[in-house]
Amino acid sequence: MQAVIESFPYIISGMGVTLGLVGLALALGLMVGIPMAVGQVYGGKWTGKFIAFYVWIFRGLPNLVLLFLFYFGIFPLMGLNVSAFFIGALALGLRSAAYQTEIFRGAILSLGEGQMLAARSLGMSKNQAILNIMLPQALRIALPGWSNEYPILLTDSSVCYAIGVMEIMTRGNQMVTRTYQPMPIYFACALIFILMNYGGLSLFRAVEKRVHVPGFGSSDQS
């Protein structure tokens, strides 16, 4: 039991790697998802079809398959020596971008066409109206749905153990092979994930309350 207790600091030290994976994946999904959502709503026919195809592909592939495609296939074929951590964040981020695209697209569509028409009638260009009128509102409306990507990515990050990323589960598995005490170690891993999930969602909920748009969501009805 002493060996198990001594292994906990080593497992906890994987929190930084896990949070790094989640943070980079969220950021990548955001940077890719917003332009693609705008392209789906306001782009041309072929732009919309290309984005819809991307969303269909990345939502249809399991995370583990994406990890293996990048780690054992795409990057080696390109002759690039890329770290497992980078590949893990890239695979998680590109898949999250497909989901974030749909989240932001729904938020933009919820605004209706009236505000775009009003902005254009005031002399704004289409791009100016999107950047200054539509997106600021859509991003605030999308925040509750977008924040759900955090717990999804947090749990999905555990599959990165398959390519050797030194996150929580990888460290936990290493300690299991050393101590032969799987139950307490995996219980500790589960507790760490639960605490990280609770802490992150609490932060997002606080942000949601600050940027809430009156007239949208259930908080106006309470």
Protein backbone atom coordinates (compact mmCIF):
# COMPACT_ATOMS: atom_id res chain seq x y z
CA MET A 1 0.00 0.00 0.00
CA GLN A 2 2.92 2.32 0.69
CA ALA A 3 4.02 2.00 -2.93
CA VAL A 4 0.55 2.95 -4.09
CA ILE A 5 0.48 6.07 -1.90
CA GLU A 6 3.91 7.08 -3.15
CA SER A 7 2.73 6.76 -6.74
CA PHE A 8 -0.03 9.37 -6.38
CA PRO A 9 2.24 12.44 -6.81
CA TYR A 10 3.56 10.92 -10.03
CA ILE A 11 0.00 10.42 -11.32
CA ILE A 12 -1.08 13.91 -10.27
CA SER A 13 1.89 15.38 -12.15
CA GLY A 14 0.14 14.21 -15.32
CA MET A 15 -2.59 16.81 -14.77
CA GLY A 16 -0.51 19.45 -16.51
CA VAL A 17 -0.14 17.28 -19.60
CA THR A 18 -3.85 16.44 -19.63
CA LEU A 19 -4.86 20.08 -19.22
CA GLY A 20 -2.38 21.03 -21.93
CA LEU A 21 -4.01 18.56 -24.32
CA VAL A 22 -7.47 19.85 -23.49
CA GLY A 23 -6.50 23.52 -23.69
CA LEU A 24 -4.75 23.19 -27.05
CA ALA A 25 -7.56 21.06 -28.48
CA LEU A 26 -10.19 23.58 -27.34
CA ALA A 27 -8.20 26.46 -28.83
CA LEU A 28 -7.62 24.66 -32.13
CA GLY A 29 -11.28 23.71 -32.33
CA LEU A 30 -12.24 27.31 -31.68
CA MET A 31 -9.90 28.72 -34.33
CA VAL A 32 -11.11 26.23 -36.92
CA GLY A 33 -14.73 25.95 -35.84
CA ILE A 34 -15.69 29.64 -35.95
CA PRO A 35 -14.52 30.27 -39.55
CA MET A 36 -16.12 27.03 -40.71
CA ALA A 37 -19.41 27.92 -39.02
CA VAL A 38 -19.36 31.31 -40.74
CA GLY A 39 -18.52 29.60 -44.02
CA GLN A 40 -21.45 27.22 -43.67
CA VAL A 41 -23.94 30.01 -42.99
CA TYR A 42 -22.62 32.79 -45.22
CA GLY A 43 -20.31 31.02 -47.67
CA GLY A 44 -21.06 29.73 -51.12
CA LYS A 45 -22.51 26.38 -52.09
CA TRP A 46 -19.19 24.57 -52.50
CA THR A 47 -17.75 26.10 -49.35
CA GLY A 48 -20.69 24.78 -47.39
CA LYS A 49 -20.36 21.33 -48.94
CA PHE A 50 -16.63 21.14 -48.16
CA ILE A 51 -17.19 22.15 -44.53
CA ALA A 52 -20.09 19.71 -44.19
CA PHE A 53 -17.81 16.95 -45.54
CA TYR A 54 -15.11 17.84 -43.01
CA VAL A 55 -17.65 17.77 -40.18
CA TRP A 56 -19.03 14.43 -41.38
CA ILE A 57 -15.56 12.84 -41.58
CA PHE A 58 -14.20 14.01 -38.24
CA ARG A 59 -17.41 13.36 -36.34
CA GLY A 60 -17.52 9.86 -37.79
CA LEU A 61 -13.97 8.80 -36.85
CA PRO A 62 -13.17 7.63 -33.31
CA ASN A 63 -10.42 9.51 -31.50
CA LEU A 64 -8.24 6.42 -31.34
CA VAL A 65 -8.41 5.96 -35.12
CA LEU A 66 -7.44 9.61 -35.66
CA LEU A 67 -4.51 9.28 -33.27
CA PHE A 68 -3.19 6.22 -35.08
CA LEU A 69 -3.72 7.80 -38.52
CA PHE A 70 -1.63 10.82 -37.55
CA TYR A 71 0.94 9.05 -35.38
CA PHE A 72 1.61 5.97 -37.50
CA GLY A 73 0.47 7.19 -40.90
CA ILE A 74 0.30 10.81 -42.00
CA PHE A 75 3.27 12.33 -40.18
CA PRO A 76 5.69 9.40 -40.77
CA LEU A 77 4.75 9.38 -44.47
CA MET A 78 5.56 13.10 -44.58
CA GLY A 79 8.91 12.39 -42.94
CA LEU A 80 8.08 14.57 -39.94
CA ASN A 81 9.21 13.70 -36.43
CA VAL A 82 6.42 15.13 -34.30
CA SER A 83 5.92 14.60 -30.58
CA ALA A 84 3.10 12.39 -29.36
CA PHE A 85 1.77 15.29 -27.30
CA PHE A 86 1.43 17.50 -30.39
CA ILE A 87 -0.28 14.74 -32.36
CA GLY A 88 -2.68 14.08 -29.49
CA ALA A 89 -3.65 17.76 -29.24
CA LEU A 90 -3.97 18.01 -33.04
CA ALA A 91 -6.21 14.95 -33.37
CA LEU A 92 -8.43 15.98 -30.46
CA GLY A 93 -8.58 19.57 -31.73
CA LEU A 94 -9.52 18.71 -35.31
CA ARG A 95 -12.28 16.40 -34.13
CA SER A 96 -13.51 18.99 -31.65
CA ALA A 97 -13.54 21.56 -34.46
CA ALA A 98 -16.18 19.49 -36.25
CA TYR A 99 -18.44 19.63 -33.20
CA GLN A 100 -17.67 23.27 -32.47
CA THR A 101 -18.58 24.16 -36.05
CA GLU A 102 -22.08 22.85 -35.48
CA ILE A 103 -22.35 24.64 -32.13
CA PHE A 104 -21.41 28.01 -33.63
CA ARG A 105 -23.48 27.44 -36.76
CA GLY A 106 -26.56 26.86 -34.62
CA ALA A 107 -25.84 30.01 -32.61
CA ILE A 108 -25.50 32.12 -35.76
CA LEU A 109 -28.70 30.72 -37.23
CA SER A 110 -30.57 31.46 -33.99
CA LEU A 111 -30.06 35.18 -34.63
CA GLY A 112 -32.11 35.09 -37.81
CA GLU A 113 -31.58 37.12 -40.98
CA GLY A 114 -33.10 40.37 -39.74
CA GLN A 115 -29.96 41.68 -38.04
CA MET A 116 -27.82 40.97 -41.09
CA LEU A 117 -30.32 42.77 -43.32
CA ALA A 118 -30.43 45.72 -40.93
CA ALA A 119 -26.64 45.96 -40.83
CA ARG A 120 -26.41 45.85 -44.62
CA SER A 121 -29.10 48.54 -44.92
CA LEU A 122 -26.94 50.79 -42.72
CA GLY A 123 -24.10 50.52 -45.20
CA MET A 124 -22.03 47.74 -43.61
CA SER A 125 -20.38 45.20 -45.83
CA LYS A 126 -21.19 41.53 -45.31
CA ASN A 127 -17.87 40.91 -43.54
CA GLN A 128 -18.31 43.96 -41.31
CA ALA A 129 -21.78 42.79 -40.31
CA ILE A 130 -20.52 39.31 -39.52
CA LEU A 131 -17.58 40.54 -37.43
CA ASN A 132 -19.30 43.40 -35.62
CA ILE A 133 -22.94 42.33 -35.32
CA MET A 134 -23.45 38.60 -35.78
CA LEU A 135 -20.37 36.94 -34.27
CA PRO A 136 -20.25 38.87 -30.95
CA GLN A 137 -23.82 37.77 -30.22
CA ALA A 138 -23.40 34.25 -31.58
CA LEU A 139 -20.31 33.56 -29.49
CA ARG A 140 -22.11 34.52 -26.30
CA ILE A 141 -25.13 32.43 -27.20
CA ALA A 142 -22.90 29.46 -28.10
CA LEU A 143 -20.93 29.53 -24.84
CA PRO A 144 -23.12 27.04 -22.89
CA GLY A 145 -22.90 24.49 -25.69
CA TRP A 146 -19.25 25.23 -26.37
CA SER A 147 -18.29 24.79 -22.72
CA ASN A 148 -19.55 21.20 -22.91
CA GLU A 149 -16.58 20.49 -25.14
CA TYR A 150 -14.35 20.79 -22.08
CA PRO A 151 -15.56 17.64 -20.26
CA ILE A 152 -15.77 15.78 -23.57
CA LEU A 153 -12.15 16.60 -24.42
CA LEU A 154 -11.07 15.92 -20.86
CA THR A 155 -12.37 12.36 -21.00
CA ASP A 156 -11.23 11.88 -24.61
CA SER A 157 -7.68 12.91 -23.67
CA SER A 158 -7.25 9.60 -21.84
CA VAL A 159 -7.02 7.73 -25.16
CA CYS A 160 -3.73 9.51 -25.83
CA TYR A 161 -2.08 6.89 -23.61
CA ALA A 162 -2.21 4.69 -26.73
CA ILE A 163 0.56 6.75 -28.37
CA GLY A 164 2.55 7.31 -25.19
CA VAL A 165 1.50 10.81 -24.14
CA MET A 166 2.42 11.12 -20.45
CA GLU A 167 -1.02 12.16 -19.25
CA ILE A 168 -2.88 10.89 -16.19
CA MET A 169 -3.90 7.47 -17.50
CA THR A 170 -0.47 6.72 -18.96
CA ARG A 171 1.13 7.44 -15.61
CA GLY A 172 -1.56 5.43 -13.85
CA ASN A 173 -0.95 2.43 -16.10
CA GLN A 174 2.78 2.65 -15.45
CA MET A 175 2.22 2.60 -11.70
CA VAL A 176 -0.16 -0.36 -11.99
CA THR A 177 2.56 -2.40 -13.70
CA ARG A 178 4.97 -1.49 -10.90
CA THR A 179 2.72 -1.95 -7.88
CA TYR A 180 0.20 -4.56 -9.11
CA GLN A 181 -2.50 -2.54 -7.32
CA PRO A 182 -4.91 -1.51 -10.11
CA MET A 183 -7.99 -0.67 -8.03
CA PRO A 184 -6.61 2.14 -5.82
CA ILE A 185 -4.59 3.62 -8.66
CA TYR A 186 -7.44 3.70 -11.16
CA PHE A 187 -9.70 5.04 -8.42
CA ALA A 188 -7.22 7.88 -7.89
CA CYS A 189 -7.20 8.56 -11.64
CA ALA A 190 -11.01 8.67 -11.66
CA LEU A 191 -11.06 11.08 -8.72
CA ILE A 192 -8.57 13.39 -10.43
CA PHE A 193 -10.69 13.46 -13.60
CA ILE A 194 -13.85 14.20 -11.60
CA LEU A 195 -12.19 17.09 -9.77
CA MET A 196 -10.77 18.52 -13.01
CA ASN A 197 -14.17 18.20 -14.64
CA TYR A 198 -15.94 19.95 -11.77
CA GLY A 199 -13.36 22.73 -11.56
CA GLY A 200 -13.41 23.45 -15.28
CA LEU A 201 -17.19 23.43 -15.58
CA SER A 202 -17.52 25.72 -12.56
CA LEU A 203 -15.23 28.22 -14.28
CA PHE A 204 -17.19 28.04 -17.53
CA ARG A 205 -20.51 28.47 -15.72
CA ALA A 206 -19.18 31.62 -14.05
CA VAL A 207 -18.14 33.01 -17.44
CA GLU A 208 -21.56 32.13 -18.90
CA LYS A 209 -23.33 34.18 -16.25
CA ARG A 210 -21.16 37.20 -16.99
CA VAL A 211 -21.68 37.17 -20.76
CA HIS A 212 -25.27 35.89 -20.85
CA VAL A 213 -27.45 37.48 -23.53
CA PRO A 214 -30.84 38.56 -22.11
CA GLY A 215 -33.65 36.73 -23.84
CA PHE A 216 -31.62 33.58 -24.55
CA GLY A 217 -31.48 30.57 -22.28
CA SER A 218 -33.36 29.41 -19.25
CA SER A 219 -31.85 31.80 -16.71
CA ASP A 220 -34.22 34.56 -17.84
CA GLN A 221 -37.17 32.39 -16.94
CA SER A 222 -36.14 31.74 -13.35
